[in-house]
Amino acid sequence: MLAHKLGTLPQCKCTRPKREDLIAGFATLKCHGKSSPYVAGDSLTLADPAARELLQRLGENPTVQAITRARDAATPGFNTAVRAKYHSKQ
């Protein structure tokens, strides 16, 4: 956890009912959420253009670009390590 590494604990300002609602909402998404091929399932909804716009804006962010470059640079080594680990067990 990042806060632990920094030596501080996160301060949650959520009240208990809000926190429980948030946890329940994520559990519901995990069970019922669909994102293929569209955000809300198998048909185009109003959420899709907004999601596409958000992804485009995120892609223009210098920090996101740096993360993407780092991920892309690390991917071949990661794939090689995974192949070595799991193919050697066969």
C-alpha atoms as a PDB file:
ATOM      1  CA  MET A   1       0.000   0.000   0.000  1.00  0.00           C
ATOM      2  CA  LEU A   2       1.396   3.361  -1.021  1.00  0.00           C
ATOM      3  CA  ALA A   3       0.399   5.124   2.204  1.00  0.00           C
ATOM      4  CA  HIS A   4       2.184   2.447   4.202  1.00  0.00           C
ATOM      5  CA  LYS A   5       5.330   2.936   2.135  1.00  0.00           C
ATOM      6  CA  LEU A   6       5.157   6.668   2.736  1.00  0.00           C
ATOM      7  CA  GLY A   7       4.771   6.132   6.475  1.00  0.00           C
ATOM      8  CA  THR A   8       1.264   7.538   6.774  1.00  0.00           C
ATOM      9  CA  LEU A   9      -2.157   6.027   6.945  1.00  0.00           C
ATOM     10  CA  PRO A  10      -4.907   7.207   4.608  1.00  0.00           C
ATOM     11  CA  GLN A  11      -7.599   9.334   6.161  1.00  0.00           C
ATOM     12  CA  CYS A  12     -11.008   8.086   5.068  1.00  0.00           C
ATOM     13  CA  LYS A  13     -13.631  10.785   5.302  1.00  0.00           C
ATOM     14  CA  CYS A  14     -16.398   8.424   4.259  1.00  0.00           C
ATOM     15  CA  THR A  15     -19.123   7.841   6.767  1.00  0.00           C
ATOM     16  CA  ARG A  16     -19.884   4.221   7.449  1.00  0.00           C
ATOM     17  CA  PRO A  17     -23.067   4.089   5.331  1.00  0.00           C
ATOM     18  CA  LYS A  18     -21.295   5.734   2.361  1.00  0.00           C
ATOM     19  CA  ARG A  19     -18.372   3.341   2.681  1.00  0.00           C
ATOM     20  CA  GLU A  20     -20.713   0.351   2.821  1.00  0.00           C
ATOM     21  CA  ASP A  21     -22.603   1.668  -0.222  1.00  0.00           C
ATOM     22  CA  LEU A  22     -19.329   2.049  -2.107  1.00  0.00           C
ATOM     23  CA  ILE A  23     -18.204  -1.482  -1.231  1.00  0.00           C
ATOM     24  CA  ALA A  24     -21.614  -2.868  -2.193  1.00  0.00           C
ATOM     25  CA  GLY A  25     -21.507  -0.949  -5.479  1.00  0.00           C
ATOM     26  CA  PHE A  26     -18.132  -2.417  -6.409  1.00  0.00           C
ATOM     27  CA  ALA A  27     -19.345  -5.892  -5.487  1.00  0.00           C
ATOM     28  CA  THR A  28     -22.373  -5.393  -7.736  1.00  0.00           C
ATOM     29  CA  LEU A  29     -20.183  -4.233 -10.613  1.00  0.00           C
ATOM     30  CA  LYS A  30     -17.925  -7.221 -10.143  1.00  0.00           C
ATOM     31  CA  CYS A  31     -20.894  -9.601 -10.312  1.00  0.00           C
ATOM     32  CA  HIS A  32     -23.016  -7.874 -12.937  1.00  0.00           C
ATOM     33  CA  GLY A  33     -20.835  -5.368 -14.747  1.00  0.00           C
ATOM     34  CA  LYS A  34     -20.175  -5.981 -18.397  1.00  0.00           C
ATOM     35  CA  SER A  35     -17.795  -4.224 -20.708  1.00  0.00           C
ATOM     36  CA  SER A  36     -17.796  -6.130 -23.920  1.00  0.00           C
ATOM     37  CA  PRO A  37     -17.951  -4.902 -26.496  1.00  0.00           C
ATOM     38  CA  TYR A  38     -19.391  -1.730 -24.976  1.00  0.00           C
ATOM     39  CA  VAL A  39     -19.203  -0.144 -21.509  1.00  0.00           C
ATOM     40  CA  ALA A  40     -22.691  -1.331 -20.533  1.00  0.00           C
ATOM     41  CA  GLY A  41     -22.716  -4.666 -22.328  1.00  0.00           C
ATOM     42  CA  ASP A  42     -23.601  -5.732 -25.843  1.00  0.00           C
ATOM     43  CA  SER A  43     -25.231  -2.508 -27.044  1.00  0.00           C
ATOM     44  CA  LEU A  44     -24.087   1.070 -27.505  1.00  0.00           C
ATOM     45  CA  THR A  45     -25.220   3.385 -24.686  1.00  0.00           C
ATOM     46  CA  LEU A  46     -24.631   6.979 -23.655  1.00  0.00           C
ATOM     47  CA  ALA A  47     -21.755   5.775 -21.457  1.00  0.00           C
ATOM     48  CA  ASP A  48     -19.644   4.702 -24.435  1.00  0.00           C
ATOM     49  CA  PRO A  49     -18.901   8.112 -26.019  1.00  0.00           C
ATOM     50  CA  ALA A  50     -18.113   9.529 -22.569  1.00  0.00           C
ATOM     51  CA  ALA A  51     -15.747   6.637 -21.836  1.00  0.00           C
ATOM     52  CA  ARG A  52     -14.074   7.036 -25.210  1.00  0.00           C
ATOM     53  CA  GLU A  53     -13.615  10.771 -24.620  1.00  0.00           C
ATOM     54  CA  LEU A  54     -12.196  10.131 -21.140  1.00  0.00           C
ATOM     55  CA  LEU A  55      -9.714   7.576 -22.479  1.00  0.00           C
ATOM     56  CA  GLN A  56      -8.613  10.009 -25.172  1.00  0.00           C
ATOM     57  CA  ARG A  57      -8.111  12.778 -22.601  1.00  0.00           C
ATOM     58  CA  LEU A  58      -6.213  10.412 -20.310  1.00  0.00           C
ATOM     59  CA  GLY A  59      -3.975   9.443 -23.214  1.00  0.00           C
ATOM     60  CA  GLU A  60      -2.987  13.099 -23.614  1.00  0.00           C
ATOM     61  CA  ASN A  61      -1.847  13.351 -19.988  1.00  0.00           C
ATOM     62  CA  PRO A  62       1.983  13.357 -19.678  1.00  0.00           C
ATOM     63  CA  THR A  63       1.904  11.133 -16.588  1.00  0.00           C
ATOM     64  CA  VAL A  64      -0.307   8.577 -18.316  1.00  0.00           C
ATOM     65  CA  GLN A  65       1.989   8.712 -21.348  1.00  0.00           C
ATOM     66  CA  ALA A  66       5.009   8.018 -19.121  1.00  0.00           C
ATOM     67  CA  ILE A  67       3.228   5.087 -17.475  1.00  0.00           C
ATOM     68  CA  THR A  68       2.296   3.718 -20.897  1.00  0.00           C
ATOM     69  CA  ARG A  69       5.890   3.985 -22.136  1.00  0.00           C
ATOM     70  CA  ALA A  70       7.186   2.244 -18.999  1.00  0.00           C
ATOM     71  CA  ARG A  71       4.573  -0.506 -19.345  1.00  0.00           C
ATOM     72  CA  ASP A  72       5.373  -0.978 -23.027  1.00  0.00           C
ATOM     73  CA  ALA A  73       9.106  -1.141 -22.293  1.00  0.00           C
ATOM     74  CA  ALA A  74       8.604  -3.706 -19.506  1.00  0.00           C
ATOM     75  CA  THR A  75       6.081  -5.913 -21.316  1.00  0.00           C
ATOM     76  CA  PRO A  76       8.532  -8.028 -23.367  1.00  0.00           C
ATOM     77  CA  GLY A  77      10.604  -8.890 -20.284  1.00  0.00           C
ATOM     78  CA  PHE A  78       7.465  -9.659 -18.298  1.00  0.00           C
ATOM     79  CA  ASN A  79       6.134 -11.917 -21.049  1.00  0.00           C
ATOM     80  CA  THR A  80       9.463 -13.727 -21.266  1.00  0.00           C
ATOM     81  CA  ALA A  81       9.519 -14.284 -17.494  1.00  0.00           C
ATOM     82  CA  VAL A  82       5.944 -15.594 -17.480  1.00  0.00           C
ATOM     83  CA  ARG A  83       6.628 -17.940 -20.378  1.00  0.00           C
ATOM     84  CA  ALA A  84       9.778 -19.227 -18.680  1.00  0.00           C
ATOM     85  CA  LYS A  85       7.981 -19.800 -15.407  1.00  0.00           C
ATOM     86  CA  TYR A  86       4.909 -21.551 -16.759  1.00  0.00           C
ATOM     87  CA  HIS A  87       6.342 -23.354 -19.766  1.00  0.00           C
ATOM     88  CA  SER A  88       9.085 -24.914 -17.659  1.00  0.00           C
ATOM     89  CA  LYS A  89       6.425 -26.606 -15.484  1.00  0.00           C
ATOM     90  CA  GLN A  90       4.855 -28.459 -18.398  1.00  0.00           C
END
